[in-house]
């Protein structure tokens, strides 16, 4: 699986989970700074788990701050 493919998929997931749909998503900006609230984080992680057949524990979720973190996490689990 290519990193860009994962990046595109997760960017779409993040856009769906954001309260502010018009936010400019940059890979290294904290998701909270983009307007991702706690219910949005839950929605995002659920989409990631469903798409890639993963089970993320709380520590793994807490370690994901920005989109790049999520991409790196998924790549480490599916590669």
PDB file of N, CA and C in Angstrom:
ATOM      1  N   UNK A   1       0.848  -1.178   0.000  1.00  0.00           N
ATOM      2  CA  UNK A   1       0.000   0.000   0.000  1.00  0.00           C
ATOM      3  C   UNK A   1       0.894   1.243   0.000  1.00  0.00           C
ATOM      4  N   UNK A   2       0.577   2.169  -0.869  1.00  0.00           N
ATOM      5  CA  UNK A   2       1.368   3.386  -1.007  1.00  0.00           C
ATOM      6  C   UNK A   2       0.993   4.416   0.059  1.00  0.00           C
ATOM      7  N   UNK A   3       1.985   5.156   0.517  1.00  0.00           N
ATOM      8  CA  UNK A   3       1.753   6.189   1.528  1.00  0.00           C
ATOM      9  C   UNK A   3       0.764   7.246   1.032  1.00  0.00           C
ATOM     10  N   UNK A   4       0.880   7.632  -0.243  1.00  0.00           N
ATOM     11  CA  UNK A   4      -0.022   8.658  -0.773  1.00  0.00           C
ATOM     12  C   UNK A   4      -1.472   8.168  -0.802  1.00  0.00           C
ATOM     13  N   UNK A   5      -1.657   6.894  -1.089  1.00  0.00           N
ATOM     14  CA  UNK A   5      -2.997   6.301  -1.080  1.00  0.00           C
ATOM     15  C   UNK A   5      -3.611   6.382   0.319  1.00  0.00           C
ATOM     16  N   UNK A   6      -2.809   6.033   1.324  1.00  0.00           N
ATOM     17  CA  UNK A   6      -3.267   6.120   2.712  1.00  0.00           C
ATOM     18  C   UNK A   6      -3.528   7.584   3.086  1.00  0.00           C
ATOM     19  N   UNK A   7      -2.634   8.475   2.686  1.00  0.00           N
ATOM     20  CA  UNK A   7      -2.789   9.899   2.991  1.00  0.00           C
ATOM     21  C   UNK A   7      -4.094  10.439   2.409  1.00  0.00           C
ATOM     22  N   UNK A   8      -4.384  10.086   1.164  1.00  0.00           N
ATOM     23  CA  UNK A   8      -5.617  10.558   0.525  1.00  0.00           C
ATOM     24  C   UNK A   8      -6.854  10.025   1.243  1.00  0.00           C
ATOM     25  N   UNK A   9      -6.828   8.748   1.600  1.00  0.00           N
ATOM     26  CA  UNK A   9      -7.969   8.126   2.288  1.00  0.00           C
ATOM     27  C   UNK A   9      -8.177   8.779   3.660  1.00  0.00           C
ATOM     28  N   UNK A  10      -7.093   8.958   4.413  1.00  0.00           N
ATOM     29  CA  UNK A  10      -7.222   9.528   5.762  1.00  0.00           C
ATOM     30  C   UNK A  10      -7.590  11.008   5.715  1.00  0.00           C
ATOM     31  N   UNK A  11      -7.154  11.718   4.689  1.00  0.00           N
ATOM     32  CA  UNK A  11      -7.558  13.116   4.534  1.00  0.00           C
ATOM     33  C   UNK A  11      -9.071  13.190   4.338  1.00  0.00           C
ATOM     34  N   UNK A  12      -9.609  12.286   3.540  1.00  0.00           N
ATOM     35  CA  UNK A  12     -11.059  12.230   3.347  1.00  0.00           C
ATOM     36  C   UNK A  12     -11.788  11.911   4.641  1.00  0.00           C
ATOM     37  N   UNK A  13     -11.262  10.960   5.404  1.00  0.00           N
ATOM     38  CA  UNK A  13     -11.863  10.613   6.696  1.00  0.00           C
ATOM     39  C   UNK A  13     -11.842  11.813   7.633  1.00  0.00           C
ATOM     40  N   UNK A  14     -10.700  12.505   7.684  1.00  0.00           N
ATOM     41  CA  UNK A  14     -10.557  13.658   8.568  1.00  0.00           C
ATOM     42  C   UNK A  14     -11.541  14.755   8.166  1.00  0.00           C
ATOM     43  N   UNK A  15     -11.667  14.990   6.882  1.00  0.00           N
ATOM     44  CA  UNK A  15     -12.609  16.020   6.419  1.00  0.00           C
ATOM     45  C   UNK A  15     -14.041  15.683   6.863  1.00  0.00           C
ATOM     46  N   UNK A  16     -14.423  14.404   6.786  1.00  0.00           N
ATOM     47  CA  UNK A  16     -15.761  13.985   7.218  1.00  0.00           C
ATOM     48  C   UNK A  16     -15.952  14.187   8.719  1.00  0.00           C
ATOM     49  N   UNK A  17     -14.885  14.000   9.492  1.00  0.00           N
ATOM     50  CA  UNK A  17     -14.977  14.059  10.953  1.00  0.00           C
ATOM     51  C   UNK A  17     -14.867  15.476  11.511  1.00  0.00           C
ATOM     52  N   UNK A  18     -14.394  16.411  10.705  1.00  0.00           N
ATOM     53  CA  UNK A  18     -14.207  17.786  11.184  1.00  0.00           C
ATOM     54  C   UNK A  18     -15.535  18.512  11.354  1.00  0.00           C
ATOM     55  N   UNK A  19     -15.604  19.312  12.403  1.00  0.00           N
ATOM     56  CA  UNK A  19     -16.770  20.172  12.607  1.00  0.00           C
ATOM     57  C   UNK A  19     -16.759  21.313  11.589  1.00  0.00           C
ATOM     58  N   UNK A  20     -15.549  21.810  11.282  1.00  0.00           N
ATOM     59  CA  UNK A  20     -15.393  22.881  10.288  1.00  0.00           C
ATOM     60  C   UNK A  20     -14.956  22.243   8.975  1.00  0.00           C
ATOM     61  N   UNK A  21     -15.911  21.977   8.109  1.00  0.00           N
ATOM     62  CA  UNK A  21     -15.632  21.252   6.865  1.00  0.00           C
ATOM     63  C   UNK A  21     -14.703  22.018   5.921  1.00  0.00           C
ATOM     64  N   UNK A  22     -14.642  23.342   6.072  1.00  0.00           N
ATOM     65  CA  UNK A  22     -13.836  24.155   5.164  1.00  0.00           C
ATOM     66  C   UNK A  22     -12.379  24.280   5.606  1.00  0.00           C
ATOM     67  N   UNK A  23     -11.999  23.659   6.701  1.00  0.00           N
ATOM     68  CA  UNK A  23     -10.632  23.769   7.217  1.00  0.00           C
ATOM     69  C   UNK A  23      -9.623  23.276   6.183  1.00  0.00           C
ATOM     70  N   UNK A  24      -8.507  23.982   6.086  1.00  0.00           N
ATOM     71  CA  UNK A  24      -7.424  23.555   5.207  1.00  0.00           C
ATOM     72  C   UNK A  24      -6.605  22.502   5.942  1.00  0.00           C
ATOM     73  N   UNK A  25      -6.591  21.312   5.413  1.00  0.00           N
ATOM     74  CA  UNK A  25      -5.914  20.193   6.076  1.00  0.00           C
ATOM     75  C   UNK A  25      -4.469  20.116   5.606  1.00  0.00           C
ATOM     76  N   UNK A  26      -3.571  20.265   6.569  1.00  0.00           N
ATOM     77  CA  UNK A  26      -2.134  20.107   6.316  1.00  0.00           C
ATOM     78  C   UNK A  26      -1.659  18.947   7.180  1.00  0.00           C
ATOM     79  N   UNK A  27      -0.821  18.080   6.631  1.00  0.00           N
ATOM     80  CA  UNK A  27      -0.429  16.853   7.327  1.00  0.00           C
ATOM     81  C   UNK A  27       0.238  17.039   8.680  1.00  0.00           C
ATOM     82  N   UNK A  28       0.894  18.181   8.889  1.00  0.00           N
ATOM     83  CA  UNK A  28       1.651  18.361  10.130  1.00  0.00           C
ATOM     84  C   UNK A  28       0.968  19.291  11.137  1.00  0.00           C
ATOM     85  N   UNK A  29      -0.270  19.688  10.866  1.00  0.00           N
ATOM     86  CA  UNK A  29      -1.019  20.557  11.790  1.00  0.00           C
ATOM     87  C   UNK A  29      -1.848  19.669  12.720  1.00  0.00           C
ATOM     88  N   UNK A  30      -1.831  19.994  14.007  1.00  0.00           N
ATOM     89  CA  UNK A  30      -2.601  19.214  14.983  1.00  0.00           C
ATOM     90  C   UNK A  30      -4.072  19.187  14.590  1.00  0.00           C
ATOM     91  N   UNK A  31      -4.665  18.007  14.674  1.00  0.00           N
ATOM     92  CA  UNK A  31      -6.074  17.861  14.304  1.00  0.00           C
ATOM     93  C   UNK A  31      -6.975  18.741  15.159  1.00  0.00           C
ATOM     94  N   UNK A  32      -6.617  18.930  16.398  1.00  0.00           N
ATOM     95  CA  UNK A  32      -7.408  19.803  17.275  1.00  0.00           C
ATOM     96  C   UNK A  32      -7.394  21.238  16.751  1.00  0.00           C
ATOM     97  N   UNK A  33      -6.278  21.660  16.188  1.00  0.00           N
ATOM     98  CA  UNK A  33      -6.177  23.004  15.621  1.00  0.00           C
ATOM     99  C   UNK A  33      -7.026  23.156  14.360  1.00  0.00           C
ATOM    100  N   UNK A  34      -7.349  22.032  13.730  1.00  0.00           N
ATOM    101  CA  UNK A  34      -8.217  22.053  12.553  1.00  0.00           C
ATOM    102  C   UNK A  34      -9.699  22.077  12.945  1.00  0.00           C
ATOM    103  N   UNK A  35      -9.961  21.869  14.242  1.00  0.00           N
ATOM    104  CA  UNK A  35     -11.338  21.873  14.719  1.00  0.00           C
ATOM    105  C   UNK A  35     -11.889  20.490  15.011  1.00  0.00           C
ATOM    106  N   UNK A  36     -11.016  19.488  15.108  1.00  0.00           N
ATOM    107  CA  UNK A  36     -11.472  18.136  15.412  1.00  0.00           C
ATOM    108  C   UNK A  36     -11.750  18.029  16.907  1.00  0.00           C
ATOM    109  N   UNK A  37     -13.005  17.805  17.261  1.00  0.00           N
ATOM    110  CA  UNK A  37     -13.378  17.670  18.674  1.00  0.00           C
ATOM    111  C   UNK A  37     -13.384  16.190  19.069  1.00  0.00           C
ATOM    112  N   UNK A  38     -13.776  15.893  20.299  1.00  0.00           N
ATOM    113  CA  UNK A  38     -13.697  14.519  20.801  1.00  0.00           C
ATOM    114  C   UNK A  38     -14.615  13.571  20.031  1.00  0.00           C
ATOM    115  N   UNK A  39     -15.804  14.020  19.672  1.00  0.00           N
ATOM    116  CA  UNK A  39     -16.685  13.139  18.903  1.00  0.00           C
ATOM    117  C   UNK A  39     -16.138  12.947  17.488  1.00  0.00           C
ATOM    118  N   UNK A  40     -15.498  13.971  16.948  1.00  0.00           N
ATOM    119  CA  UNK A  40     -14.860  13.845  15.645  1.00  0.00           C
ATOM    120  C   UNK A  40     -13.697  12.877  15.676  1.00  0.00           C
ATOM    121  N   UNK A  41     -12.919  12.912  16.767  1.00  0.00           N
ATOM    122  CA  UNK A  41     -11.800  11.960  16.910  1.00  0.00           C
ATOM    123  C   UNK A  41     -12.327  10.531  16.941  1.00  0.00           C
ATOM    124  N   UNK A  42     -13.408  10.317  17.685  1.00  0.00           N
ATOM    125  CA  UNK A  42     -14.000   8.982  17.756  1.00  0.00           C
ATOM    126  C   UNK A  42     -14.456   8.534  16.369  1.00  0.00           C
ATOM    127  N   UNK A  43     -15.100   9.429  15.643  1.00  0.00           N
ATOM    128  CA  UNK A  43     -15.557   9.114  14.288  1.00  0.00           C
ATOM    129  C   UNK A  43     -14.367   8.790  13.376  1.00  0.00           C
ATOM    130  N   UNK A  44     -13.311   9.599  13.453  1.00  0.00           N
ATOM    131  CA  UNK A  44     -12.125   9.383  12.640  1.00  0.00           C
ATOM    132  C   UNK A  44     -11.502   8.025  12.934  1.00  0.00           C
ATOM    133  N   UNK A  45     -11.294   7.719  14.202  1.00  0.00           N
ATOM    134  CA  UNK A  45     -10.649   6.458  14.559  1.00  0.00           C
ATOM    135  C   UNK A  45     -11.521   5.266  14.185  1.00  0.00           C
ATOM    136  N   UNK A  46     -12.825   5.412  14.281  1.00  0.00           N
ATOM    137  CA  UNK A  46     -13.731   4.339  13.865  1.00  0.00           C
ATOM    138  C   UNK A  46     -13.609   4.088  12.361  1.00  0.00           C
ATOM    139  N   UNK A  47     -13.541   5.157  11.575  1.00  0.00           N
ATOM    140  CA  UNK A  47     -13.375   4.995  10.124  1.00  0.00           C
ATOM    141  C   UNK A  47     -12.047   4.307   9.797  1.00  0.00           C
ATOM    142  N   UNK A  48     -10.978   4.692  10.503  1.00  0.00           N
ATOM    143  CA  UNK A  48      -9.665   4.074  10.278  1.00  0.00           C
ATOM    144  C   UNK A  48      -9.721   2.592  10.630  1.00  0.00           C
ATOM    145  N   UNK A  49     -10.288   2.282  11.782  1.00  0.00           N
ATOM    146  CA  UNK A  49     -10.383   0.881  12.204  1.00  0.00           C
ATOM    147  C   UNK A  49     -11.190   0.056  11.206  1.00  0.00           C
ATOM    148  N   UNK A  50     -12.304   0.594  10.757  1.00  0.00           N
ATOM    149  CA  UNK A  50     -13.159  -0.136   9.813  1.00  0.00           C
ATOM    150  C   UNK A  50     -12.469  -0.333   8.462  1.00  0.00           C
ATOM    151  N   UNK A  51     -11.839   0.711   7.962  1.00  0.00           N
ATOM    152  CA  UNK A  51     -11.203   0.652   6.637  1.00  0.00           C
ATOM    153  C   UNK A  51     -10.035  -0.322   6.602  1.00  0.00           C
ATOM    154  N   UNK A  52      -9.229  -0.326   7.664  1.00  0.00           N
ATOM    155  CA  UNK A  52      -7.990  -1.106   7.661  1.00  0.00           C
ATOM    156  C   UNK A  52      -8.052  -2.319   8.582  1.00  0.00           C
ATOM    157  N   UNK A  53      -9.244  -2.641   9.089  1.00  0.00           N
ATOM    158  CA  UNK A  53      -9.448  -3.807   9.957  1.00  0.00           C
ATOM    159  C   UNK A  53      -8.462  -3.811  11.127  1.00  0.00           C
ATOM    160  N   UNK A  54      -8.459  -2.694  11.857  1.00  0.00           N
ATOM    161  CA  UNK A  54      -7.567  -2.506  13.002  1.00  0.00           C
ATOM    162  C   UNK A  54      -8.383  -2.319  14.274  1.00  0.00           C
ATOM    163  N   UNK A  55      -7.731  -2.518  15.392  1.00  0.00           N
ATOM    164  CA  UNK A  55      -8.286  -2.163  16.702  1.00  0.00           C
ATOM    165  C   UNK A  55      -7.245  -1.281  17.394  1.00  0.00           C
ATOM    166  N   UNK A  56      -7.568  -0.011  17.526  1.00  0.00           N
ATOM    167  CA  UNK A  56      -6.644   0.939  18.138  1.00  0.00           C
ATOM    168  C   UNK A  56      -6.932   1.028  19.628  1.00  0.00           C
ATOM    169  N   UNK A  57      -5.878   0.904  20.441  1.00  0.00           N
ATOM    170  CA  UNK A  57      -6.091   1.094  21.869  1.00  0.00           C
ATOM    171  C   UNK A  57      -5.974   2.588  22.196  1.00  0.00           C
ATOM    172  N   UNK A  58      -6.302   2.929  23.417  1.00  0.00           N
ATOM    173  CA  UNK A  58      -6.338   4.336  23.828  1.00  0.00           C
ATOM    174  C   UNK A  58      -4.980   5.016  23.690  1.00  0.00           C
ATOM    175  N   UNK A  59      -3.910   4.303  24.019  1.00  0.00           N
ATOM    176  CA  UNK A  59      -2.566   4.886  23.898  1.00  0.00           C
ATOM    177  C   UNK A  59      -2.227   5.198  22.440  1.00  0.00           C
ATOM    178  N   UNK A  60      -2.618   4.303  21.535  1.00  0.00           N
ATOM    179  CA  UNK A  60      -2.365   4.545  20.116  1.00  0.00           C
ATOM    180  C   UNK A  60      -3.156   5.757  19.629  1.00  0.00           C
ATOM    181  N   UNK A  61      -4.397   5.857  20.049  1.00  0.00           N
ATOM    182  CA  UNK A  61      -5.219   7.006  19.670  1.00  0.00           C
ATOM    183  C   UNK A  61      -4.635   8.302  20.220  1.00  0.00           C
ATOM    184  N   UNK A  62      -4.196   8.275  21.467  1.00  0.00           N
ATOM    185  CA  UNK A  62      -3.629   9.481  22.090  1.00  0.00           C
ATOM    186  C   UNK A  62      -2.345   9.937  21.396  1.00  0.00           C
ATOM    187  N   UNK A  63      -1.619   9.005  20.796  1.00  0.00           N
ATOM    188  CA  UNK A  63      -0.354   9.339  20.134  1.00  0.00           C
ATOM    189  C   UNK A  63      -0.570   9.993  18.769  1.00  0.00           C
ATOM    190  N   UNK A  64      -1.785   9.926  18.247  1.00  0.00           N
ATOM    191  CA  UNK A  64      -2.071  10.501  16.934  1.00  0.00           C
ATOM    192  C   UNK A  64      -2.542  11.937  17.123  1.00  0.00           C
ATOM    193  N   UNK A  65      -1.658  12.859  16.807  1.00  0.00           N
ATOM    194  CA  UNK A  65      -1.918  14.290  16.987  1.00  0.00           C
ATOM    195  C   UNK A  65      -2.273  14.961  15.656  1.00  0.00           C
ATOM    196  N   UNK A  66      -1.547  14.581  14.605  1.00  0.00           N
ATOM    197  CA  UNK A  66      -1.744  15.207  13.296  1.00  0.00           C
ATOM    198  C   UNK A  66      -1.983  14.121  12.245  1.00  0.00           C
ATOM    199  N   UNK A  67      -2.320  14.542  11.060  1.00  0.00           N
ATOM    200  CA  UNK A  67      -2.583  13.598   9.976  1.00  0.00           C
ATOM    201  C   UNK A  67      -1.363  12.733   9.686  1.00  0.00           C
ATOM    202  N   UNK A  68      -0.169  13.312   9.717  1.00  0.00           N
ATOM    203  CA  UNK A  68       1.049  12.521   9.490  1.00  0.00           C
ATOM    204  C   UNK A  68       1.174  11.378  10.490  1.00  0.00           C
ATOM    205  N   UNK A  69       0.799  11.626  11.752  1.00  0.00           N
ATOM    206  CA  UNK A  69       0.837  10.564  12.768  1.00  0.00           C
ATOM    207  C   UNK A  69      -0.102   9.425  12.383  1.00  0.00           C
ATOM    208  N   UNK A  70      -1.295   9.775  11.909  1.00  0.00           N
ATOM    209  CA  UNK A  70      -2.279   8.759  11.523  1.00  0.00           C
ATOM    210  C   UNK A  70      -1.774   7.960  10.321  1.00  0.00           C
ATOM    211  N   UNK A  71      -1.179   8.650   9.356  1.00  0.00           N
ATOM    212  CA  UNK A  71      -0.648   7.977   8.172  1.00  0.00           C
ATOM    213  C   UNK A  71       0.452   6.992   8.582  1.00  0.00           C
ATOM    214  N   UNK A  72       1.371   7.472   9.413  1.00  0.00           N
ATOM    215  CA  UNK A  72       2.480   6.612   9.871  1.00  0.00           C
ATOM    216  C   UNK A  72       1.944   5.413  10.632  1.00  0.00           C
ATOM    217  N   UNK A  73       0.943   5.627  11.478  1.00  0.00           N
ATOM    218  CA  UNK A  73       0.336   4.528  12.240  1.00  0.00           C
ATOM    219  C   UNK A  73      -0.244   3.478  11.288  1.00  0.00           C
ATOM    220  N   UNK A  74      -1.065   3.907  10.348  1.00  0.00           N
ATOM    221  CA  UNK A  74      -1.696   2.969   9.423  1.00  0.00           C
ATOM    222  C   UNK A  74      -0.633   2.230   8.607  1.00  0.00           C
ATOM    223  N   UNK A  75       0.349   2.959   8.109  1.00  0.00           N
ATOM    224  CA  UNK A  75       1.405   2.317   7.309  1.00  0.00           C
ATOM    225  C   UNK A  75       2.154   1.261   8.119  1.00  0.00           C
ATOM    226  N   UNK A  76       2.355   1.511   9.408  1.00  0.00           N
ATOM    227  CA  UNK A  76       3.076   0.541  10.242  1.00  0.00           C
ATOM    228  C   UNK A  76       2.238  -0.718  10.499  1.00  0.00           C
ATOM    229  N   UNK A  77       0.932  -0.579  10.436  1.00  0.00           N
ATOM    230  CA  UNK A  77       0.051  -1.714  10.727  1.00  0.00           C
ATOM    231  C   UNK A  77      -0.301  -2.538   9.482  1.00  0.00           C
ATOM    232  N   UNK A  78      -0.335  -1.913   8.323  1.00  0.00           N
ATOM    233  CA  UNK A  78      -0.768  -2.627   7.118  1.00  0.00           C
ATOM    234  C   UNK A  78       0.387  -3.039   6.214  1.00  0.00           C
ATOM    235  N   UNK A  79       1.590  -2.567   6.492  1.00  0.00           N
ATOM    236  CA  UNK A  79       2.729  -2.901   5.620  1.00  0.00           C
ATOM    237  C   UNK A  79       3.340  -4.223   6.008  1.00  0.00           C
TER     238      UNK A  79
END
